[in-house]
Amino acid sequence: MSDCIFCRIVAGEIPCRKVYEDDDMLAFHDISPMRPVHVLVIPKKHIASLTAATPEDAPTLGRMLAKASEIAVTAGSADGFRLIINTGRVGHQEVPHLHLHIVGGPDPVGPMLKPI
C-alpha cells in the first residue's frame, strides 16, 4: 500500500534503524521511543490490524511473537520486557499496519492498566 508508512519502510522508501529482517517480518527501532528499548516488529505483508489478520497470517504472527524475545534481549532488555499490539481506535492504534511493540530496558516498565 503506497500510503502506508510501514509498507514504505518495508519497500526501502523510508529509512529505519533495522534490528532484524527475514522474508516475512521486519523489526526496527521506534522513532519516538517510550522506553530505552522500543522496537517495532511488523509483517512485511500489509495487514491493517490484528482484527484483519486471517488464519493464513498465523504462521507469520507466531514467528513474530517467537522472535520477540531474542530481539528484546539483543536490544538490551534481558531481564524482561512487554509486548503490545494496539488494535483499532479503542486500542489506540496509530498506524493502520499491524505492529508489535517490544518495550523494556534496565528498569521495570510500570503498570499498563489502571482500574476503572
PDB file of N, CA and C in Angstrom:
ATOM      1  N   MET A   1       0.853  -1.181   0.000  1.00  0.00           N
ATOM      2  CA  MET A   1       0.000   0.000   0.000  1.00  0.00           C
ATOM      3  C   MET A   1       0.896   1.241   0.000  1.00  0.00           C
ATOM      4  N   SER A   2       0.770   2.046  -1.009  1.00  0.00           N
ATOM      5  CA  SER A   2       1.679   3.178  -1.190  1.00  0.00           C
ATOM      6  C   SER A   2       1.515   4.274  -0.150  1.00  0.00           C
ATOM      7  N   ASP A   3       0.360   4.349   0.504  1.00  0.00           N
ATOM      8  CA  ASP A   3       0.160   5.392   1.508  1.00  0.00           C
ATOM      9  C   ASP A   3       0.440   4.902   2.937  1.00  0.00           C
ATOM     10  N   CYS A   4       0.839   3.665   3.112  1.00  0.00           N
ATOM     11  CA  CYS A   4       1.130   3.098   4.436  1.00  0.00           C
ATOM     12  C   CYS A   4       2.605   3.308   4.767  1.00  0.00           C
ATOM     13  N   ILE A   5       2.881   4.011   5.846  1.00  0.00           N
ATOM     14  CA  ILE A   5       4.266   4.310   6.211  1.00  0.00           C
ATOM     15  C   ILE A   5       5.079   3.038   6.448  1.00  0.00           C
ATOM     16  N   PHE A   6       4.477   2.025   7.063  1.00  0.00           N
ATOM     17  CA  PHE A   6       5.225   0.793   7.311  1.00  0.00           C
ATOM     18  C   PHE A   6       5.485   0.027   6.013  1.00  0.00           C
ATOM     19  N   CYS A   7       4.548   0.043   5.077  1.00  0.00           N
ATOM     20  CA  CYS A   7       4.792  -0.583   3.769  1.00  0.00           C
ATOM     21  C   CYS A   7       5.913   0.145   3.043  1.00  0.00           C
ATOM     22  N   ARG A   8       5.982   1.451   3.206  1.00  0.00           N
ATOM     23  CA  ARG A   8       7.052   2.234   2.580  1.00  0.00           C
ATOM     24  C   ARG A   8       8.401   1.928   3.232  1.00  0.00           C
ATOM     25  N   ILE A   9       8.398   1.662   4.545  1.00  0.00           N
ATOM     26  CA  ILE A   9       9.636   1.246   5.219  1.00  0.00           C
ATOM     27  C   ILE A   9      10.066  -0.120   4.698  1.00  0.00           C
ATOM     28  N   VAL A  10       9.135  -1.046   4.586  1.00  0.00           N
ATOM     29  CA  VAL A  10       9.439  -2.381   4.049  1.00  0.00           C
ATOM     30  C   VAL A  10      10.020  -2.273   2.638  1.00  0.00           C
ATOM     31  N   ALA A  11       9.469  -1.373   1.827  1.00  0.00           N
ATOM     32  CA  ALA A  11       9.921  -1.197   0.444  1.00  0.00           C
ATOM     33  C   ALA A  11      11.263  -0.472   0.345  1.00  0.00           C
ATOM     34  N   GLY A  12      11.758   0.063   1.465  1.00  0.00           N
ATOM     35  CA  GLY A  12      13.025   0.780   1.456  1.00  0.00           C
ATOM     36  C   GLY A  12      12.898   2.241   1.063  1.00  0.00           C
ATOM     37  N   GLU A  13      11.668   2.735   0.937  1.00  0.00           N
ATOM     38  CA  GLU A  13      11.440   4.131   0.564  1.00  0.00           C
ATOM     39  C   GLU A  13      11.687   5.083   1.734  1.00  0.00           C
ATOM     40  N   ILE A  14      11.511   4.580   2.939  1.00  0.00           N
ATOM     41  CA  ILE A  14      11.742   5.351   4.162  1.00  0.00           C
ATOM     42  C   ILE A  14      12.768   4.571   4.979  1.00  0.00           C
ATOM     43  N   PRO A  15      13.842   5.231   5.416  1.00  0.00           N
ATOM     44  CA  PRO A  15      14.864   4.510   6.182  1.00  0.00           C
ATOM     45  C   PRO A  15      14.386   4.154   7.586  1.00  0.00           C
ATOM     46  N   CYS A  16      15.014   3.138   8.144  1.00  0.00           N
ATOM     47  CA  CYS A  16      14.742   2.752   9.527  1.00  0.00           C
ATOM     48  C   CYS A  16      16.029   2.229  10.135  1.00  0.00           C
ATOM     49  N   ARG A  17      16.052   2.173  11.455  1.00  0.00           N
ATOM     50  CA  ARG A  17      17.182   1.566  12.162  1.00  0.00           C
ATOM     51  C   ARG A  17      16.828   0.098  12.391  1.00  0.00           C
ATOM     52  N   LYS A  18      17.167  -0.713  11.414  1.00  0.00           N
ATOM     53  CA  LYS A  18      16.781  -2.126  11.369  1.00  0.00           C
ATOM     54  C   LYS A  18      17.448  -2.921  12.489  1.00  0.00           C
ATOM     55  N   VAL A  19      16.645  -3.789  13.114  1.00  0.00           N
ATOM     56  CA  VAL A  19      17.120  -4.693  14.153  1.00  0.00           C
ATOM     57  C   VAL A  19      17.147  -6.136  13.638  1.00  0.00           C
ATOM     58  N   TYR A  20      16.150  -6.485  12.837  1.00  0.00           N
ATOM     59  CA  TYR A  20      16.033  -7.854  12.311  1.00  0.00           C
ATOM     60  C   TYR A  20      15.182  -7.809  11.046  1.00  0.00           C
ATOM     61  N   GLU A  21      15.485  -8.716  10.129  1.00  0.00           N
ATOM     62  CA  GLU A  21      14.664  -8.837   8.925  1.00  0.00           C
ATOM     63  C   GLU A  21      14.781 -10.251   8.380  1.00  0.00           C
ATOM     64  N   ASP A  22      13.648 -10.775   7.916  1.00  0.00           N
ATOM     65  CA  ASP A  22      13.640 -12.011   7.150  1.00  0.00           C
ATOM     66  C   ASP A  22      12.594 -11.861   6.050  1.00  0.00           C
ATOM     67  N   ASP A  23      12.207 -12.939   5.413  1.00  0.00           N
ATOM     68  CA  ASP A  23      11.272 -12.850   4.289  1.00  0.00           C
ATOM     69  C   ASP A  23       9.888 -12.349   4.682  1.00  0.00           C
ATOM     70  N   ASP A  24       9.495 -12.544   5.944  1.00  0.00           N
ATOM     71  CA  ASP A  24       8.127 -12.250   6.357  1.00  0.00           C
ATOM     72  C   ASP A  24       7.973 -11.077   7.316  1.00  0.00           C
ATOM     73  N   MET A  25       9.052 -10.667   7.990  1.00  0.00           N
ATOM     74  CA  MET A  25       8.918  -9.619   9.005  1.00  0.00           C
ATOM     75  C   MET A  25      10.123  -8.701   9.010  1.00  0.00           C
ATOM     76  N   LEU A  26       9.892  -7.532   9.612  1.00  0.00           N
ATOM     77  CA  LEU A  26      10.938  -6.535   9.774  1.00  0.00           C
ATOM     78  C   LEU A  26      10.813  -5.965  11.178  1.00  0.00           C
ATOM     79  N   ALA A  27      11.938  -5.818  11.875  1.00  0.00           N
ATOM     80  CA  ALA A  27      11.961  -5.207  13.202  1.00  0.00           C
ATOM     81  C   ALA A  27      12.906  -4.013  13.147  1.00  0.00           C
ATOM     82  N   PHE A  28      12.466  -2.903  13.744  1.00  0.00           N
ATOM     83  CA  PHE A  28      13.264  -1.684  13.722  1.00  0.00           C
ATOM     84  C   PHE A  28      12.955  -0.840  14.954  1.00  0.00           C
ATOM     85  N   HIS A  29      13.901   0.046  15.298  1.00  0.00           N
ATOM     86  CA  HIS A  29      13.720   0.932  16.451  1.00  0.00           C
ATOM     87  C   HIS A  29      12.609   1.939  16.178  1.00  0.00           C
ATOM     88  N   ASP A  30      11.764   2.172  17.185  1.00  0.00           N
ATOM     89  CA  ASP A  30      10.713   3.180  17.090  1.00  0.00           C
ATOM     90  C   ASP A  30      11.363   4.556  16.995  1.00  0.00           C
ATOM     91  N   ILE A  31      10.822   5.442  16.157  1.00  0.00           N
ATOM     92  CA  ILE A  31      11.415   6.775  16.007  1.00  0.00           C
ATOM     93  C   ILE A  31      11.093   7.691  17.192  1.00  0.00           C
ATOM     94  N   SER A  32      10.103   7.331  17.993  1.00  0.00           N
ATOM     95  CA  SER A  32       9.750   8.084  19.202  1.00  0.00           C
ATOM     96  C   SER A  32       9.669   7.116  20.376  1.00  0.00           C
ATOM     97  N   PRO A  33      10.817   6.604  20.827  1.00  0.00           N
ATOM     98  CA  PRO A  33      10.786   5.547  21.849  1.00  0.00           C
ATOM     99  C   PRO A  33      10.191   6.023  23.172  1.00  0.00           C
ATOM    100  N   MET A  34       9.432   5.124  23.786  1.00  0.00           N
ATOM    101  CA  MET A  34       8.811   5.391  25.082  1.00  0.00           C
ATOM    102  C   MET A  34       9.619   4.792  26.233  1.00  0.00           C
ATOM    103  N   ARG A  35      10.546   3.909  25.909  1.00  0.00           N
ATOM    104  CA  ARG A  35      11.408   3.241  26.881  1.00  0.00           C
ATOM    105  C   ARG A  35      12.803   3.116  26.257  1.00  0.00           C
ATOM    106  N   PRO A  36      13.823   2.796  27.064  1.00  0.00           N
ATOM    107  CA  PRO A  36      15.158   2.618  26.496  1.00  0.00           C
ATOM    108  C   PRO A  36      15.193   1.573  25.371  1.00  0.00           C
ATOM    109  N   VAL A  37      14.387   0.533  25.505  1.00  0.00           N
ATOM    110  CA  VAL A  37      14.211  -0.438  24.418  1.00  0.00           C
ATOM    111  C   VAL A  37      12.796  -0.255  23.893  1.00  0.00           C
ATOM    112  N   HIS A  38      12.673   0.109  22.628  1.00  0.00           N
ATOM    113  CA  HIS A  38      11.362   0.239  21.984  1.00  0.00           C
ATOM    114  C   HIS A  38      11.536  -0.117  20.509  1.00  0.00           C
ATOM    115  N   VAL A  39      11.204  -1.351  20.204  1.00  0.00           N
ATOM    116  CA  VAL A  39      11.374  -1.901  18.858  1.00  0.00           C
ATOM    117  C   VAL A  39      10.005  -2.271  18.317  1.00  0.00           C
ATOM    118  N   LEU A  40       9.779  -1.987  17.048  1.00  0.00           N
ATOM    119  CA  LEU A  40       8.550  -2.393  16.372  1.00  0.00           C
ATOM    120  C   LEU A  40       8.852  -3.601  15.501  1.00  0.00           C
ATOM    121  N   VAL A  41       7.941  -4.564  15.507  1.00  0.00           N
ATOM    122  CA  VAL A  41       8.045  -5.741  14.640  1.00  0.00           C
ATOM    123  C   VAL A  41       6.797  -5.740  13.776  1.00  0.00           C
ATOM    124  N   ILE A  42       6.999  -5.758  12.454  1.00  0.00           N
ATOM    125  CA  ILE A  42       5.865  -5.698  11.532  1.00  0.00           C
ATOM    126  C   ILE A  42       5.930  -6.847  10.536  1.00  0.00           C
ATOM    127  N   PRO A  43       4.763  -7.329  10.105  1.00  0.00           N
ATOM    128  CA  PRO A  43       4.777  -8.265   8.982  1.00  0.00           C
ATOM    129  C   PRO A  43       5.062  -7.473   7.708  1.00  0.00           C
ATOM    130  N   LYS A  44       5.790  -8.051   6.788  1.00  0.00           N
ATOM    131  CA  LYS A  44       6.041  -7.361   5.520  1.00  0.00           C
ATOM    132  C   LYS A  44       4.763  -7.258   4.686  1.00  0.00           C
ATOM    133  N   LYS A  45       3.906  -8.244   4.823  1.00  0.00           N
ATOM    134  CA  LYS A  45       2.602  -8.197   4.162  1.00  0.00           C
ATOM    135  C   LYS A  45       1.750  -7.157   4.880  1.00  0.00           C
ATOM    136  N   HIS A  46       1.050  -6.330   4.127  1.00  0.00           N
ATOM    137  CA  HIS A  46       0.185  -5.340   4.771  1.00  0.00           C
ATOM    138  C   HIS A  46      -1.022  -6.043   5.384  1.00  0.00           C
ATOM    139  N   ILE A  47      -1.133  -5.922   6.693  1.00  0.00           N
ATOM    140  CA  ILE A  47      -2.302  -6.377   7.451  1.00  0.00           C
ATOM    141  C   ILE A  47      -2.705  -5.162   8.267  1.00  0.00           C
ATOM    142  N   ALA A  48      -3.891  -4.639   8.058  1.00  0.00           N
ATOM    143  CA  ALA A  48      -4.287  -3.362   8.657  1.00  0.00           C
ATOM    144  C   ALA A  48      -4.272  -3.382  10.179  1.00  0.00           C
ATOM    145  N   SER A  49      -4.724  -4.460  10.778  1.00  0.00           N
ATOM    146  CA  SER A  49      -4.748  -4.561  12.237  1.00  0.00           C
ATOM    147  C   SER A  49      -4.886  -6.023  12.611  1.00  0.00           C
ATOM    148  N   LEU A  50      -4.825  -6.299  13.897  1.00  0.00           N
ATOM    149  CA  LEU A  50      -4.973  -7.683  14.343  1.00  0.00           C
ATOM    150  C   LEU A  50      -6.343  -8.236  13.958  1.00  0.00           C
ATOM    151  N   THR A  51      -7.362  -7.386  13.936  1.00  0.00           N
ATOM    152  CA  THR A  51      -8.693  -7.859  13.548  1.00  0.00           C
ATOM    153  C   THR A  51      -8.776  -8.208  12.065  1.00  0.00           C
ATOM    154  N   ALA A  52      -7.848  -7.712  11.260  1.00  0.00           N
ATOM    155  CA  ALA A  52      -7.821  -8.027   9.827  1.00  0.00           C
ATOM    156  C   ALA A  52      -6.986  -9.271   9.516  1.00  0.00           C
ATOM    157  N   ALA A  53      -6.285  -9.799  10.516  1.00  0.00           N
ATOM    158  CA  ALA A  53      -5.461 -10.994  10.294  1.00  0.00           C
ATOM    159  C   ALA A  53      -6.352 -12.203  10.018  1.00  0.00           C
ATOM    160  N   THR A  54      -5.849 -13.072   9.160  1.00  0.00           N
ATOM    161  CA  THR A  54      -6.594 -14.274   8.787  1.00  0.00           C
ATOM    162  C   THR A  54      -5.816 -15.509   9.250  1.00  0.00           C
ATOM    163  N   PRO A  55      -6.438 -16.678   9.202  1.00  0.00           N
ATOM    164  CA  PRO A  55      -5.708 -17.896   9.554  1.00  0.00           C
ATOM    165  C   PRO A  55      -4.437 -18.078   8.717  1.00  0.00           C
ATOM    166  N   GLU A  56      -4.423 -17.591   7.494  1.00  0.00           N
ATOM    167  CA  GLU A  56      -3.225 -17.695   6.647  1.00  0.00           C
ATOM    168  C   GLU A  56      -2.059 -16.862   7.209  1.00  0.00           C
ATOM    169  N   ASP A  57      -2.366 -15.840   8.013  1.00  0.00           N
ATOM    170  CA  ASP A  57      -1.333 -14.986   8.613  1.00  0.00           C
ATOM    171  C   ASP A  57      -0.750 -15.579   9.898  1.00  0.00           C
ATOM    172  N   ALA A  58      -1.378 -16.607  10.437  1.00  0.00           N
ATOM    173  CA  ALA A  58      -0.967 -17.167  11.732  1.00  0.00           C
ATOM    174  C   ALA A  58       0.507 -17.581  11.790  1.00  0.00           C
ATOM    175  N   PRO A  59       1.058 -18.239  10.771  1.00  0.00           N
ATOM    176  CA  PRO A  59       2.476 -18.600  10.874  1.00  0.00           C
ATOM    177  C   PRO A  59       3.398 -17.386  11.033  1.00  0.00           C
ATOM    178  N   THR A  60       3.151 -16.327  10.292  1.00  0.00           N
ATOM    179  CA  THR A  60       3.982 -15.127  10.412  1.00  0.00           C
ATOM    180  C   THR A  60       3.795 -14.474  11.775  1.00  0.00           C
ATOM    181  N   LEU A  61       2.564 -14.364  12.230  1.00  0.00           N
ATOM    182  CA  LEU A  61       2.312 -13.746  13.535  1.00  0.00           C
ATOM    183  C   LEU A  61       2.950 -14.571  14.649  1.00  0.00           C
ATOM    184  N   GLY A  62       2.885 -15.872  14.538  1.00  0.00           N
ATOM    185  CA  GLY A  62       3.524 -16.736  15.528  1.00  0.00           C
ATOM    186  C   GLY A  62       5.037 -16.571  15.532  1.00  0.00           C
ATOM    187  N   ARG A  63       5.626 -16.461  14.362  1.00  0.00           N
ATOM    188  CA  ARG A  63       7.067 -16.244  14.274  1.00  0.00           C
ATOM    189  C   ARG A  63       7.460 -14.888  14.831  1.00  0.00           C
ATOM    190  N   MET A  64       6.602 -13.870  14.627  1.00  0.00           N
ATOM    191  CA  MET A  64       6.876 -12.543  15.191  1.00  0.00           C
ATOM    192  C   MET A  64       6.936 -12.630  16.718  1.00  0.00           C
ATOM    193  N   LEU A  65       5.981 -13.321  17.312  1.00  0.00           N
ATOM    194  CA  LEU A  65       5.971 -13.477  18.769  1.00  0.00           C
ATOM    195  C   LEU A  65       7.177 -14.284  19.239  1.00  0.00           C
ATOM    196  N   ALA A  66       7.495 -15.336  18.522  1.00  0.00           N
ATOM    197  CA  ALA A  66       8.625 -16.176  18.913  1.00  0.00           C
ATOM    198  C   ALA A  66       9.946 -15.420  18.804  1.00  0.00           C
ATOM    199  N   LYS A  67      10.078 -14.544  17.831  1.00  0.00           N
ATOM    200  CA  LYS A  67      11.311 -13.791  17.617  1.00  0.00           C
ATOM    201  C   LYS A  67      11.434 -12.627  18.609  1.00  0.00           C
ATOM    202  N   ALA A  68      10.339 -12.194  19.206  1.00  0.00           N
ATOM    203  CA  ALA A  68      10.333 -11.015  20.085  1.00  0.00           C
ATOM    204  C   ALA A  68      11.303 -11.148  21.257  1.00  0.00           C
ATOM    205  N   SER A  69      11.390 -12.312  21.852  1.00  0.00           N
ATOM    206  CA  SER A  69      12.290 -12.496  22.991  1.00  0.00           C
ATOM    207  C   SER A  69      13.744 -12.279  22.584  1.00  0.00           C
ATOM    208  N   GLU A  70      14.143 -12.879  21.495  1.00  0.00           N
ATOM    209  CA  GLU A  70      15.518 -12.707  21.013  1.00  0.00           C
ATOM    210  C   GLU A  70      15.806 -11.238  20.697  1.00  0.00           C
ATOM    211  N   ILE A  71      14.860 -10.576  20.049  1.00  0.00           N
ATOM    212  CA  ILE A  71      15.031  -9.158  19.711  1.00  0.00           C
ATOM    213  C   ILE A  71      15.150  -8.322  20.981  1.00  0.00           C
ATOM    214  N   ALA A  72      14.287  -8.572  21.968  1.00  0.00           N
ATOM    215  CA  ALA A  72      14.310  -7.810  23.224  1.00  0.00           C
ATOM    216  C   ALA A  72      15.642  -7.970  23.940  1.00  0.00           C
ATOM    217  N   VAL A  73      16.117  -9.193  24.057  1.00  0.00           N
ATOM    218  CA  VAL A  73      17.384  -9.456  24.754  1.00  0.00           C
ATOM    219  C   VAL A  73      18.541  -8.792  24.017  1.00  0.00           C
ATOM    220  N   THR A  74      18.585  -8.957  22.714  1.00  0.00           N
ATOM    221  CA  THR A  74      19.647  -8.356  21.911  1.00  0.00           C
ATOM    222  C   THR A  74      19.631  -6.831  22.001  1.00  0.00           C
ATOM    223  N   ALA A  75      18.442  -6.246  22.094  1.00  0.00           N
ATOM    224  CA  ALA A  75      18.301  -4.786  22.158  1.00  0.00           C
ATOM    225  C   ALA A  75      18.623  -4.225  23.545  1.00  0.00           C
ATOM    226  N   GLY A  76      18.744  -5.093  24.560  1.00  0.00           N
ATOM    227  CA  GLY A  76      19.134  -4.617  25.886  1.00  0.00           C
ATOM    228  C   GLY A  76      18.102  -4.798  26.976  1.00  0.00           C
ATOM    229  N   SER A  77      17.153  -5.689  26.778  1.00  0.00           N
ATOM    230  CA  SER A  77      16.112  -5.916  27.781  1.00  0.00           C
ATOM    231  C   SER A  77      16.088  -7.380  28.226  1.00  0.00           C
ATOM    232  N   ALA A  78      17.254  -7.857  28.691  1.00  0.00           N
ATOM    233  CA  ALA A  78      17.399  -9.270  29.057  1.00  0.00           C
ATOM    234  C   ALA A  78      16.616  -9.668  30.301  1.00  0.00           C
ATOM    235  N   ASP A  79      16.263  -8.698  31.144  1.00  0.00           N
ATOM    236  CA  ASP A  79      15.594  -9.018  32.406  1.00  0.00           C
ATOM    237  C   ASP A  79      14.072  -8.912  32.304  1.00  0.00           C
ATOM    238  N   GLY A  80      13.559  -8.790  31.106  1.00  0.00           N
ATOM    239  CA  GLY A  80      12.111  -8.732  30.905  1.00  0.00           C
ATOM    240  C   GLY A  80      11.725  -7.607  29.964  1.00  0.00           C
ATOM    241  N   PHE A  81      10.511  -7.690  29.480  1.00  0.00           N
ATOM    242  CA  PHE A  81      10.012  -6.714  28.515  1.00  0.00           C
ATOM    243  C   PHE A  81       8.507  -6.868  28.410  1.00  0.00           C
ATOM    244  N   ARG A  82       7.888  -5.959  27.700  1.00  0.00           N
ATOM    245  CA  ARG A  82       6.441  -6.026  27.457  1.00  0.00           C
ATOM    246  C   ARG A  82       6.220  -6.050  25.954  1.00  0.00           C
ATOM    247  N   LEU A  83       5.249  -6.837  25.516  1.00  0.00           N
ATOM    248  CA  LEU A  83       4.818  -6.865  24.120  1.00  0.00           C
ATOM    249  C   LEU A  83       3.438  -6.229  24.047  1.00  0.00           C
ATOM    250  N   ILE A  84       3.253  -5.327  23.094  1.00  0.00           N
ATOM    251  CA  ILE A  84       1.979  -4.616  22.962  1.00  0.00           C
ATOM    252  C   ILE A  84       1.565  -4.623  21.496  1.00  0.00           C
ATOM    253  N   ILE A  85       0.310  -4.981  21.254  1.00  0.00           N
ATOM    254  CA  ILE A  85      -0.289  -4.826  19.930  1.00  0.00           C
ATOM    255  C   ILE A  85      -1.531  -3.961  20.118  1.00  0.00           C
ATOM    256  N   ASN A  86      -1.450  -2.714  19.704  1.00  0.00           N
ATOM    257  CA  ASN A  86      -2.606  -1.819  19.744  1.00  0.00           C
ATOM    258  C   ASN A  86      -3.474  -2.126  18.528  1.00  0.00           C
ATOM    259  N   THR A  87      -4.780  -2.226  18.742  1.00  0.00           N
ATOM    260  CA  THR A  87      -5.678  -2.611  17.663  1.00  0.00           C
ATOM    261  C   THR A  87      -6.873  -1.675  17.599  1.00  0.00           C
ATOM    262  N   GLY A  88      -7.021  -1.011  16.472  1.00  0.00           N
ATOM    263  CA  GLY A  88      -8.177  -0.153  16.230  1.00  0.00           C
ATOM    264  C   GLY A  88      -8.190   1.128  17.053  1.00  0.00           C
ATOM    265  N   ARG A  89      -9.261   1.877  16.885  1.00  0.00           N
ATOM    266  CA  ARG A  89      -9.423   3.172  17.547  1.00  0.00           C
ATOM    267  C   ARG A  89      -9.384   3.038  19.065  1.00  0.00           C
ATOM    268  N   VAL A  90     -10.129   2.118  19.611  1.00  0.00           N
ATOM    269  CA  VAL A  90     -10.191   1.947  21.066  1.00  0.00           C
ATOM    270  C   VAL A  90      -8.841   1.501  21.620  1.00  0.00           C
ATOM    271  N   GLY A  91      -8.100   0.723  20.849  1.00  0.00           N
ATOM    272  CA  GLY A  91      -6.783   0.252  21.265  1.00  0.00           C
ATOM    273  C   GLY A  91      -5.667   1.243  20.981  1.00  0.00           C
ATOM    274  N   HIS A  92      -6.012   2.424  20.473  1.00  0.00           N
ATOM    275  CA  HIS A  92      -5.047   3.493  20.182  1.00  0.00           C
ATOM    276  C   HIS A  92      -4.018   3.102  19.121  1.00  0.00           C
ATOM    277  N   GLN A  93      -4.470   2.348  18.117  1.00  0.00           N
ATOM    278  CA  GLN A  93      -3.580   2.019  17.007  1.00  0.00           C
ATOM    279  C   GLN A  93      -3.395   3.266  16.157  1.00  0.00           C
ATOM    280  N   GLU A  94      -2.146   3.718  16.028  1.00  0.00           N
ATOM    281  CA  GLU A  94      -1.865   4.952  15.292  1.00  0.00           C
ATOM    282  C   GLU A  94      -1.534   4.716  13.827  1.00  0.00           C
ATOM    283  N   VAL A  95      -0.889   3.617  13.515  1.00  0.00           N
ATOM    284  CA  VAL A  95      -0.537   3.294  12.129  1.00  0.00           C
ATOM    285  C   VAL A  95      -1.365   2.078  11.707  1.00  0.00           C
ATOM    286  N   PRO A  96      -2.149   2.204  10.633  1.00  0.00           N
ATOM    287  CA  PRO A  96      -3.003   1.087  10.214  1.00  0.00           C
ATOM    288  C   PRO A  96      -2.242  -0.010   9.466  1.00  0.00           C
ATOM    289  N   HIS A  97      -1.256  -0.562  10.149  1.00  0.00           N
ATOM    290  CA  HIS A  97      -0.492  -1.725   9.685  1.00  0.00           C
ATOM    291  C   HIS A  97      -0.128  -2.457  10.971  1.00  0.00           C
ATOM    292  N   LEU A  98      -0.544  -3.690  11.085  1.00  0.00           N
ATOM    293  CA  LEU A  98      -0.295  -4.475  12.291  1.00  0.00           C
ATOM    294  C   LEU A  98       1.157  -4.346  12.723  1.00  0.00           C
ATOM    295  N   HIS A  99       1.382  -4.056  13.994  1.00  0.00           N
ATOM    296  CA  HIS A  99       2.748  -3.979  14.508  1.00  0.00           C
ATOM    297  C   HIS A  99       2.777  -4.333  15.982  1.00  0.00           C
ATOM    298  N   LEU A 100       3.877  -4.930  16.360  1.00  0.00           N
ATOM    299  CA  LEU A 100       4.121  -5.373  17.728  1.00  0.00           C
ATOM    300  C   LEU A 100       5.180  -4.464  18.327  1.00  0.00           C
ATOM    301  N   HIS A 101       4.866  -3.850  19.478  1.00  0.00           N
ATOM    302  CA  HIS A 101       5.847  -3.050  20.199  1.00  0.00           C
ATOM    303  C   HIS A 101       6.553  -3.946  21.205  1.00  0.00           C
ATOM    304  N   ILE A 102       7.870  -3.913  21.211  1.00  0.00           N
ATOM    305  CA  ILE A 102       8.669  -4.537  22.263  1.00  0.00           C
ATOM    306  C   ILE A 102       9.208  -3.377  23.087  1.00  0.00           C
ATOM    307  N   VAL A 103       8.810  -3.292  24.356  1.00  0.00           N
ATOM    308  CA  VAL A 103       9.269  -2.198  25.212  1.00  0.00           C
ATOM    309  C   VAL A 103       9.914  -2.767  26.465  1.00  0.00           C
ATOM    310  N   GLY A 104      11.008  -2.145  26.868  1.00  0.00           N
ATOM    311  CA  GLY A 104      11.719  -2.601  28.057  1.00  0.00           C
ATOM    312  C   GLY A 104      12.941  -1.757  28.298  1.00  0.00           C
ATOM    313  N   GLY A 105      13.905  -2.364  28.927  1.00  0.00           N
ATOM    314  CA  GLY A 105      15.137  -1.683  29.288  1.00  0.00           C
ATOM    315  C   GLY A 105      15.602  -2.183  30.641  1.00  0.00           C
ATOM    316  N   PRO A 106      16.467  -1.427  31.316  1.00  0.00           N
ATOM    317  CA  PRO A 106      17.010  -1.886  32.588  1.00  0.00           C
ATOM    318  C   PRO A 106      16.047  -1.765  33.765  1.00  0.00           C
ATOM    319  N   ASP A 107      15.042  -0.892  33.668  1.00  0.00           N
ATOM    320  CA  ASP A 107      14.101  -0.666  34.781  1.00  0.00           C
ATOM    321  C   ASP A 107      12.725  -1.213  34.457  1.00  0.00           C
ATOM    322  N   PRO A 108      11.923  -1.540  35.482  1.00  0.00           N
ATOM    323  CA  PRO A 108      10.562  -2.024  35.216  1.00  0.00           C
ATOM    324  C   PRO A 108       9.761  -1.045  34.379  1.00  0.00           C
ATOM    325  N   VAL A 109       8.923  -1.590  33.530  1.00  0.00           N
ATOM    326  CA  VAL A 109       8.115  -0.780  32.615  1.00  0.00           C
ATOM    327  C   VAL A 109       7.029  -0.019  33.355  1.00  0.00           C
ATOM    328  N   GLY A 110       6.514  -0.556  34.434  1.00  0.00           N
ATOM    329  CA  GLY A 110       5.434   0.111  35.175  1.00  0.00           C
ATOM    330  C   GLY A 110       4.078  -0.461  34.810  1.00  0.00           C
ATOM    331  N   PRO A 111       3.043   0.004  35.518  1.00  0.00           N
ATOM    332  CA  PRO A 111       1.708  -0.552  35.270  1.00  0.00           C
ATOM    333  C   PRO A 111       1.211  -0.182  33.878  1.00  0.00           C
ATOM    334  N   MET A 112       0.502  -1.113  33.276  1.00  0.00           N
ATOM    335  CA  MET A 112      -0.039  -0.864  31.944  1.00  0.00           C
ATOM    336  C   MET A 112      -1.472  -0.377  32.018  1.00  0.00           C
ATOM    337  N   LEU A 113      -2.259  -0.969  32.894  1.00  0.00           N
ATOM    338  CA  LEU A 113      -3.671  -0.628  33.001  1.00  0.00           C
ATOM    339  C   LEU A 113      -3.976  -0.113  34.391  1.00  0.00           C
ATOM    340  N   LYS A 114      -4.942   0.777  34.447  1.00  0.00           N
ATOM    341  CA  LYS A 114      -5.415   1.282  35.734  1.00  0.00           C
ATOM    342  C   LYS A 114      -6.856   0.827  35.900  1.00  0.00           C
ATOM    343  N   PRO A 115      -7.263   0.516  37.126  1.00  0.00           N
ATOM    344  CA  PRO A 115      -8.648   0.081  37.337  1.00  0.00           C
ATOM    345  C   PRO A 115      -9.631   1.165  36.923  1.00  0.00           C
ATOM    346  N   ILE A 116     -10.789   0.727  36.406  1.00  0.00           N
ATOM    347  CA  ILE A 116     -11.813   1.715  36.022  1.00  0.00           C
ATOM    348  C   ILE A 116     -12.747   1.980  37.165  1.00  0.00           C
TER     349      ILE A 116
END
